[in-house]
């Protein structure tokens, strides 16, 4: 989807493949556009039906390659072996109670299990916003029962088949929560990320912490405490707000022409100078740190810039503060902290963020290299 992701898909990065299936107009393309292209929900009405397989390259905690397939695709016309995919996501319109989507899902399950028994199957019962709560639950139950009954009809071996159903909608955060659960099964380093979050929570008295993908607002990991839906939604909304205002601000440290110590450009040495730059052990006191007498100075290195933010969730005491710290170019740590801890022991919190960032970056970089 993003040009940077496509440019990296030249074989140097091993990507985890996810197959998106479903009937025509079930909502497959709108799901991907809303999640990874930040398409406004109202504009999904104008999306054209998918006529051929579209491959999308997503860079998050692991590199993904998502195949968006047209509604008429079959196992034979897919153009690839199901052995190549780690997960199949099948999208069903919650109002579609006919047998056709169920038959198609069962067809892919049977074919996939023959060549790739370890593949993950996820069913998104989508467009849940179109029904009232009671009808929504009843249709979800009927779809679940029909799929499982058809699988048992195919073979008694499918009676305990691990098929996961998710009720989703692009109008709330249920879609992001569902895709987060899909992603968790693909991250081999998930236990290490969860342990890092557990240590962070223990050291900072945080009741809950998430590691979010900043663009899609999918949480790729969380600590061992249960996920509260209200807290998850709050973090998603806060991340959306920061994404909206973030492009308005720019750090001077991102400009390689600017000095790290001053807002004025570093002085250019005269062409006739031949003296080498003095080392720290011979530099007299008071010597400006940017002074250089070398005729070919090394280009200034671009320092890393990690934005952070915080907001108070309650005006009363003791209160809770929601914090944001960028960890990698694509990942951010969002954590709830007691306001007293954040105000009085902020240095300790930042120190733990630094070490958390180092741990996550090592895991993220090893994933890009394809280390196992």
Protein backbone atom coordinates (compact mmCIF):
# COMPACT_ATOMS: atom_id res chain seq x y z
CA UNK A 1 0.00 0.00 0.00
CA UNK A 2 2.58 2.52 1.00
CA UNK A 3 5.28 3.31 -1.53
CA UNK A 4 8.03 2.74 1.00
CA UNK A 5 6.72 -0.75 1.74
CA UNK A 6 6.48 -1.60 -1.93
CA UNK A 7 10.01 -0.39 -2.53
CA UNK A 8 11.30 -2.77 0.14
CA UNK A 9 9.57 -5.81 -1.34
CA UNK A 10 12.55 -6.77 -3.49
CA UNK A 11 13.39 -10.05 -1.82
CA UNK A 12 15.62 -8.65 0.91
CA UNK A 13 12.74 -8.70 3.41
CA UNK A 14 10.87 -11.90 4.13
CA UNK A 15 7.20 -11.02 4.45
CA UNK A 16 4.44 -12.95 6.20
CA UNK A 17 1.59 -13.54 3.76
CA UNK A 18 -2.08 -13.07 4.72
CA UNK A 19 -4.91 -14.01 2.36
CA UNK A 20 -8.13 -11.93 2.45
CA UNK A 21 -11.15 -13.78 1.03
CA UNK A 22 -14.89 -13.19 0.89
CA UNK A 23 -17.83 -12.67 -1.39
CA UNK A 24 -18.27 -9.60 -3.56
CA UNK A 25 -19.14 -6.48 -1.52
CA UNK A 26 -18.44 -8.22 1.78
CA UNK A 27 -16.07 -5.39 2.79
CA UNK A 28 -12.57 -6.83 2.24
CA UNK A 29 -11.09 -3.83 0.45
CA UNK A 30 -12.71 -1.28 2.76
CA UNK A 31 -11.21 -3.10 5.76
CA UNK A 32 -7.69 -2.81 4.35
CA UNK A 33 -8.18 0.78 3.20
CA UNK A 34 -9.50 1.93 6.57
CA UNK A 35 -6.83 0.07 8.54
CA UNK A 36 -3.72 0.77 6.52
CA UNK A 37 -4.51 3.78 4.31
CA UNK A 38 -6.49 5.74 6.92
CA UNK A 39 -9.35 6.10 4.44
CA UNK A 40 -12.31 7.98 5.96
CA UNK A 41 -15.18 5.58 6.55
CA UNK A 42 -17.64 7.61 4.47
CA UNK A 43 -15.41 7.28 1.40
CA UNK A 44 -15.58 3.47 1.43
CA UNK A 45 -18.90 3.75 -0.42
CA UNK A 46 -16.97 4.87 -3.51
CA UNK A 47 -14.50 1.98 -3.61
CA UNK A 48 -14.67 -0.10 -6.76
CA UNK A 49 -15.14 -3.88 -6.46
CA UNK A 50 -11.89 -5.85 -6.52
CA UNK A 51 -11.53 -7.44 -9.95
CA UNK A 52 -8.11 -9.07 -9.55
CA UNK A 53 -5.77 -10.05 -6.75
CA UNK A 54 -4.16 -6.95 -5.20
CA UNK A 55 -1.03 -7.34 -3.09
CA UNK A 56 -0.42 -4.85 -0.28
CA UNK A 57 2.90 -4.53 1.54
CA UNK A 58 2.60 -3.44 5.17
CA UNK A 59 5.53 -2.60 7.47
CA UNK A 60 4.68 -3.03 11.12
CA UNK A 61 6.35 -5.07 13.88
CA UNK A 62 6.66 -7.77 11.19
CA UNK A 63 6.62 -7.16 7.43
CA UNK A 64 3.27 -8.26 5.96
CA UNK A 65 2.10 -9.05 2.45
CA UNK A 66 -1.71 -9.03 2.29
CA UNK A 67 -3.53 -10.43 -0.74
CA UNK A 68 -6.93 -8.81 -1.37
CA UNK A 69 -8.84 -11.25 -3.59
CA UNK A 70 -11.95 -10.74 -5.74
CA UNK A 71 -15.17 -12.44 -4.73
CA UNK A 72 -15.05 -15.04 -7.50
CA UNK A 73 -11.57 -16.37 -6.72
CA UNK A 74 -11.21 -20.11 -6.14
CA UNK A 75 -8.42 -22.38 -4.93
CA UNK A 76 -7.56 -23.11 -8.56
CA UNK A 77 -7.60 -19.48 -9.79
CA UNK A 78 -5.74 -17.97 -6.81
CA UNK A 79 -2.40 -18.18 -8.60
CA UNK A 80 -0.44 -19.36 -5.57
CA UNK A 81 -0.26 -22.33 -3.26
CA UNK A 82 -2.05 -22.08 0.08
CA UNK A 83 1.19 -23.36 1.57
CA UNK A 84 2.63 -19.86 1.08
CA UNK A 85 0.18 -18.21 3.50
CA UNK A 86 0.32 -18.05 7.26
CA UNK A 87 -3.26 -16.83 7.78
CA UNK A 88 -6.51 -16.75 5.83
CA UNK A 89 -9.07 -14.09 6.79
CA UNK A 90 -12.55 -14.74 5.40
CA UNK A 91 -14.97 -11.80 5.47
CA UNK A 92 -18.73 -12.48 5.63
CA UNK A 93 -21.42 -9.78 5.50
CA UNK A 94 -23.45 -10.27 8.69
CA UNK A 95 -26.69 -9.99 6.67
CA UNK A 96 -25.62 -12.72 4.23
CA UNK A 97 -27.18 -15.87 5.70
CA UNK A 98 -27.18 -17.76 2.42
CA UNK A 99 -25.09 -20.87 1.86
CA UNK A 100 -22.76 -19.50 -0.81
CA UNK A 101 -20.22 -17.74 1.47
CA UNK A 102 -20.29 -20.67 3.90
CA UNK A 103 -19.62 -23.13 1.07
CA UNK A 104 -16.72 -21.02 -0.19
CA UNK A 105 -15.17 -20.76 3.27
CA UNK A 106 -15.43 -24.53 3.81
CA UNK A 107 -13.88 -25.12 0.37
CA UNK A 108 -10.78 -23.11 1.30
CA UNK A 109 -10.52 -24.67 4.76
CA UNK A 110 -10.54 -28.21 3.34
CA UNK A 111 -8.04 -27.33 0.61
CA UNK A 112 -5.70 -25.48 2.99
CA UNK A 113 -5.65 -28.24 5.59
CA UNK A 114 -4.48 -30.72 2.98
CA UNK A 115 -1.30 -28.75 2.19
CA UNK A 116 -0.83 -26.50 5.25
CA UNK A 117 -2.37 -27.87 8.47
CA UNK A 118 -0.76 -25.09 10.55
CA UNK A 119 -2.49 -22.24 8.72
CA UNK A 120 -4.59 -19.85 10.85
CA UNK A 121 -8.22 -19.28 9.84
CA UNK A 122 -10.07 -16.16 10.97
CA UNK A 123 -13.66 -15.22 10.09
CA UNK A 124 -14.70 -11.57 10.19
CA UNK A 125 -18.49 -11.33 10.48
CA UNK A 126 -18.48 -7.83 9.09
CA UNK A 127 -20.74 -4.77 8.78
CA UNK A 128 -22.13 -5.35 12.25
CA UNK A 129 -23.29 -1.74 12.46
CA UNK A 130 -26.19 -2.46 10.09
CA UNK A 131 -28.17 -4.51 12.61
CA UNK A 132 -29.69 -3.93 16.00
CA UNK A 133 -27.92 -5.56 18.93
CA UNK A 134 -30.26 -8.56 19.22
CA UNK A 135 -30.26 -9.23 15.47
CA UNK A 136 -26.51 -8.80 15.38
CA UNK A 137 -25.96 -11.51 18.01
CA UNK A 138 -28.48 -13.87 16.37
CA UNK A 139 -26.97 -13.57 12.89
CA UNK A 140 -23.48 -14.02 14.29
CA UNK A 141 -24.62 -17.21 16.04
CA UNK A 142 -26.30 -18.56 12.88
CA UNK A 143 -23.24 -17.97 10.72
CA UNK A 144 -21.01 -19.64 13.31
CA UNK A 145 -23.28 -22.68 13.54
CA UNK A 146 -23.68 -23.08 9.77
CA UNK A 147 -19.94 -22.99 9.17
CA UNK A 148 -19.17 -25.52 11.89
CA UNK A 149 -22.02 -27.82 10.75
CA UNK A 150 -20.74 -27.77 7.17
CA UNK A 151 -17.22 -28.59 8.34
CA UNK A 152 -18.46 -31.59 10.32
CA UNK A 153 -20.39 -32.73 7.25
CA UNK A 154 -17.14 -32.67 5.29
CA UNK A 155 -15.31 -34.76 7.89
CA UNK A 156 -15.70 -35.55 11.59
CA UNK A 157 -12.07 -34.48 11.98
CA UNK A 158 -13.18 -30.85 11.63
CA UNK A 159 -15.37 -31.00 14.73
CA UNK A 160 -12.62 -29.40 16.85
CA UNK A 161 -11.19 -27.25 14.07
CA UNK A 162 -9.71 -24.01 15.54
CA UNK A 163 -11.78 -21.47 13.61
CA UNK A 164 -11.96 -18.00 15.16
CA UNK A 165 -14.95 -15.70 14.60
CA UNK A 166 -14.84 -11.92 15.11
CA UNK A 167 -17.70 -9.42 14.98
CA UNK A 168 -16.34 -6.37 13.15
CA UNK A 169 -17.29 -2.97 11.81
CA UNK A 170 -15.34 -0.13 10.23
CA UNK A 171 -17.39 2.34 12.30
CA UNK A 172 -15.82 1.41 15.64
CA UNK A 173 -12.63 -0.11 17.03
CA UNK A 174 -13.88 -3.72 16.82
CA UNK A 175 -12.08 -4.09 13.48
CA UNK A 176 -8.74 -3.02 14.94
CA UNK A 177 -9.20 -5.30 17.93
CA UNK A 178 -9.98 -8.25 15.65
CA UNK A 179 -7.02 -7.63 13.36
CA UNK A 180 -4.78 -7.25 16.41
CA UNK A 181 -5.72 -10.78 17.44
CA UNK A 182 -4.94 -11.99 13.93
CA UNK A 183 -1.55 -10.28 14.01
CA UNK A 184 -0.64 -11.66 17.44
CA UNK A 185 -0.59 -15.21 16.06
CA UNK A 186 1.95 -14.20 13.41
CA UNK A 187 4.49 -12.49 15.68
CA UNK A 188 7.04 -15.06 16.77
CA UNK A 189 8.54 -12.53 19.17
CA UNK A 190 5.20 -11.78 20.90
CA UNK A 191 6.22 -13.40 24.23
CA UNK A 192 9.32 -11.18 24.38
CA UNK A 193 7.31 -8.04 23.61
CA UNK A 194 4.76 -8.95 26.27
CA UNK A 195 7.52 -9.53 28.80
CA UNK A 196 9.04 -6.13 28.02
CA UNK A 197 5.63 -4.56 28.62
CA UNK A 198 5.22 -6.49 31.88
CA UNK A 199 8.58 -5.21 33.11
CA UNK A 200 7.69 -1.65 32.10
CA UNK A 201 4.36 -1.85 33.95
CA UNK A 202 6.04 -3.28 37.03
CA UNK A 203 8.73 -0.60 37.13
CA UNK A 204 6.39 2.35 36.52
CA UNK A 205 3.24 1.23 38.39
CA UNK A 206 1.35 1.26 35.10
CA UNK A 207 -1.97 -0.65 35.20
CA UNK A 208 -2.03 -1.11 31.41
CA UNK A 209 0.35 -0.63 28.48
CA UNK A 210 0.05 -1.25 24.74
CA UNK A 211 2.51 -1.36 21.86
CA UNK A 212 0.63 0.15 18.91
CA UNK A 213 1.28 0.36 15.21
CA UNK A 214 1.04 4.12 14.76
CA UNK A 215 -0.53 4.25 11.30
CA UNK A 216 -3.11 1.44 11.51
CA UNK A 217 -3.75 1.86 15.27
CA UNK A 218 -3.50 -1.92 15.75
CA UNK A 219 -1.99 -2.99 19.04
CA UNK A 220 0.72 -5.53 18.32
CA UNK A 221 1.29 -6.44 21.97
CA UNK A 222 0.07 -5.68 25.46
CA UNK A 223 0.96 -6.68 29.00
CA UNK A 224 -0.48 -9.71 30.76
CA UNK A 225 -3.39 -7.85 32.41
CA UNK A 226 -6.82 -8.23 30.70
CA UNK A 227 -7.63 -5.83 27.88
CA UNK A 228 -10.40 -3.45 28.85
CA UNK A 229 -12.39 -2.40 25.78
CA UNK A 230 -12.84 1.17 27.00
CA UNK A 231 -9.10 1.58 27.64
CA UNK A 232 -8.25 0.12 24.22
CA UNK A 233 -10.70 2.49 22.49
CA UNK A 234 -9.31 5.44 24.44
CA UNK A 235 -5.77 4.64 23.30
CA UNK A 236 -6.94 4.34 19.68
CA UNK A 237 -8.68 7.72 19.84
CA UNK A 238 -5.65 9.38 21.41
CA UNK A 239 -3.38 7.92 18.75
CA UNK A 240 -5.73 9.18 16.04
CA UNK A 241 -5.58 12.68 17.51
CA UNK A 242 -1.78 12.63 17.64
CA UNK A 243 -1.60 11.37 14.06
CA UNK A 244 -3.81 14.28 12.98
CA UNK A 245 -1.68 16.95 14.63
CA UNK A 246 1.74 15.32 14.26
CA UNK A 247 2.46 16.52 10.68
CA UNK A 248 2.03 20.14 11.83
CA UNK A 249 5.19 19.94 13.93
CA UNK A 250 8.79 19.28 12.95
CA UNK A 251 11.90 18.99 15.08
CA UNK A 252 15.02 20.94 14.18
CA UNK A 253 16.96 17.76 14.90
CA UNK A 254 15.43 16.25 11.74
CA UNK A 255 17.26 18.82 9.60
CA UNK A 256 20.79 17.55 8.82
CA UNK A 257 21.88 21.07 7.98
CA UNK A 258 21.20 22.28 11.51
CA UNK A 259 23.52 21.89 14.45
CA UNK A 260 22.61 19.66 17.37
CA UNK A 261 23.83 22.35 19.75
CA UNK A 262 22.55 25.51 18.06
CA UNK A 263 19.80 26.79 15.79
CA UNK A 264 22.43 28.28 13.45
CA UNK A 265 24.26 26.22 10.81
CA UNK A 266 27.63 24.79 11.73
CA UNK A 267 30.48 27.04 10.52
CA UNK A 268 32.18 26.01 7.28
CA UNK A 269 35.99 25.67 7.65
CA UNK A 270 38.23 27.75 5.39
CA UNK A 271 39.62 25.79 2.41
CA UNK A 272 43.24 26.46 3.45
CA UNK A 273 42.95 24.92 6.90
CA UNK A 274 44.87 21.68 7.37
CA UNK A 275 44.88 21.24 11.13
CA UNK A 276 43.02 18.17 12.39
CA UNK A 277 40.14 18.48 14.83
CA UNK A 278 41.49 18.39 18.40
CA UNK A 279 40.43 15.48 20.54
CA UNK A 280 38.51 15.91 23.79
CA UNK A 281 41.67 15.30 25.85
CA UNK A 282 43.52 18.24 24.23
CA UNK A 283 40.67 20.70 23.73
CA UNK A 284 41.09 23.79 25.96
CA UNK A 285 38.24 24.78 28.23
CA UNK A 286 35.73 27.03 26.52
CA UNK A 287 36.45 25.79 22.99
CA UNK A 288 33.18 25.82 20.95
CA UNK A 289 32.06 22.24 20.35
CA UNK A 290 31.34 22.90 16.65
CA UNK A 291 34.78 24.30 15.78
CA UNK A 292 36.53 22.19 13.13
CA UNK A 293 39.74 22.83 11.20
CA UNK A 294 39.61 19.76 8.98
CA UNK A 295 39.49 20.32 5.21
CA UNK A 296 37.08 17.38 4.76
CA UNK A 297 34.88 17.13 7.84
CA UNK A 298 32.61 14.10 8.27
CA UNK A 299 28.97 14.84 7.50
CA UNK A 300 26.88 15.44 10.62
CA UNK A 301 24.93 12.37 11.70
CA UNK A 302 21.15 12.70 11.84
CA UNK A 303 20.06 12.22 15.45
CA UNK A 304 17.08 10.07 16.30
CA UNK A 305 13.90 11.91 17.21
CA UNK A 306 11.34 10.16 19.44
CA UNK A 307 8.24 12.29 20.11
CA UNK A 308 6.31 11.85 23.33
CA UNK A 309 3.02 13.19 24.68
CA UNK A 310 0.77 12.87 27.71
CA UNK A 311 -2.75 13.82 28.71
CA UNK A 312 -4.60 13.71 32.01
CA UNK A 313 -7.73 11.57 31.98
CA UNK A 314 -9.15 12.94 35.22
CA UNK A 315 -8.90 16.41 36.81
CA UNK A 316 -9.27 14.92 40.29
CA UNK A 317 -6.52 13.41 42.40
CA UNK A 318 -4.87 10.97 42.27
CA UNK A 319 -6.03 10.68 38.65
CA UNK A 320 -4.61 8.84 35.63
CA UNK A 321 -2.35 10.04 32.83
CA UNK A 322 -2.21 8.52 29.34
CA UNK A 323 1.31 8.67 27.88
CA UNK A 324 2.65 8.21 24.35
CA UNK A 325 6.27 7.45 23.37
CA UNK A 326 7.44 6.64 19.85
CA UNK A 327 9.59 3.50 19.89
CA UNK A 328 10.36 2.77 16.23
CA UNK A 329 9.29 4.54 13.03
CA UNK A 330 6.12 2.42 13.08
CA UNK A 331 5.53 1.53 16.74
CA UNK A 332 4.56 3.54 19.82
CA UNK A 333 4.17 2.75 23.51
CA UNK A 334 0.88 3.93 25.05
CA UNK A 335 0.56 3.44 28.80
CA UNK A 336 -1.73 4.44 31.63
CA UNK A 337 0.15 5.87 34.62
CA UNK A 338 -0.97 7.22 37.98
CA UNK A 339 -0.72 10.99 37.65
CA UNK A 340 1.34 11.26 40.84
CA UNK A 341 3.88 8.77 39.44
CA UNK A 342 4.11 10.63 36.14
CA UNK A 343 4.58 14.02 37.79
CA UNK A 344 6.91 13.04 40.65
CA UNK A 345 8.90 10.19 39.08
CA UNK A 346 8.87 11.19 35.44
CA UNK A 347 12.61 10.70 35.13
CA UNK A 348 12.23 7.06 36.17
CA UNK A 349 9.42 6.61 33.66
CA UNK A 350 11.52 8.06 30.83
CA UNK A 351 14.47 5.87 31.85
CA UNK A 352 12.28 2.76 31.56
CA UNK A 353 11.00 3.97 28.19
CA UNK A 354 14.58 4.19 26.91
CA UNK A 355 15.34 0.58 27.81
CA UNK A 356 11.96 -0.58 26.53
CA UNK A 357 12.69 1.17 23.23
CA UNK A 358 16.08 -0.53 22.92
CA UNK A 359 14.53 -3.97 23.49
CA UNK A 360 11.74 -3.41 20.97
CA UNK A 361 14.12 -2.02 18.35
CA UNK A 362 16.31 -5.11 18.59
CA UNK A 363 13.27 -7.35 18.07
CA UNK A 364 11.95 -5.17 15.23
CA UNK A 365 15.29 -5.11 13.41
CA UNK A 366 15.72 -8.87 13.75
CA UNK A 367 12.25 -9.28 12.21
CA UNK A 368 13.28 -7.16 9.22
CA UNK A 369 16.36 -9.34 8.74
CA UNK A 370 14.21 -12.45 8.93
CA UNK A 371 16.01 -13.87 11.98
CA UNK A 372 14.22 -16.70 13.73
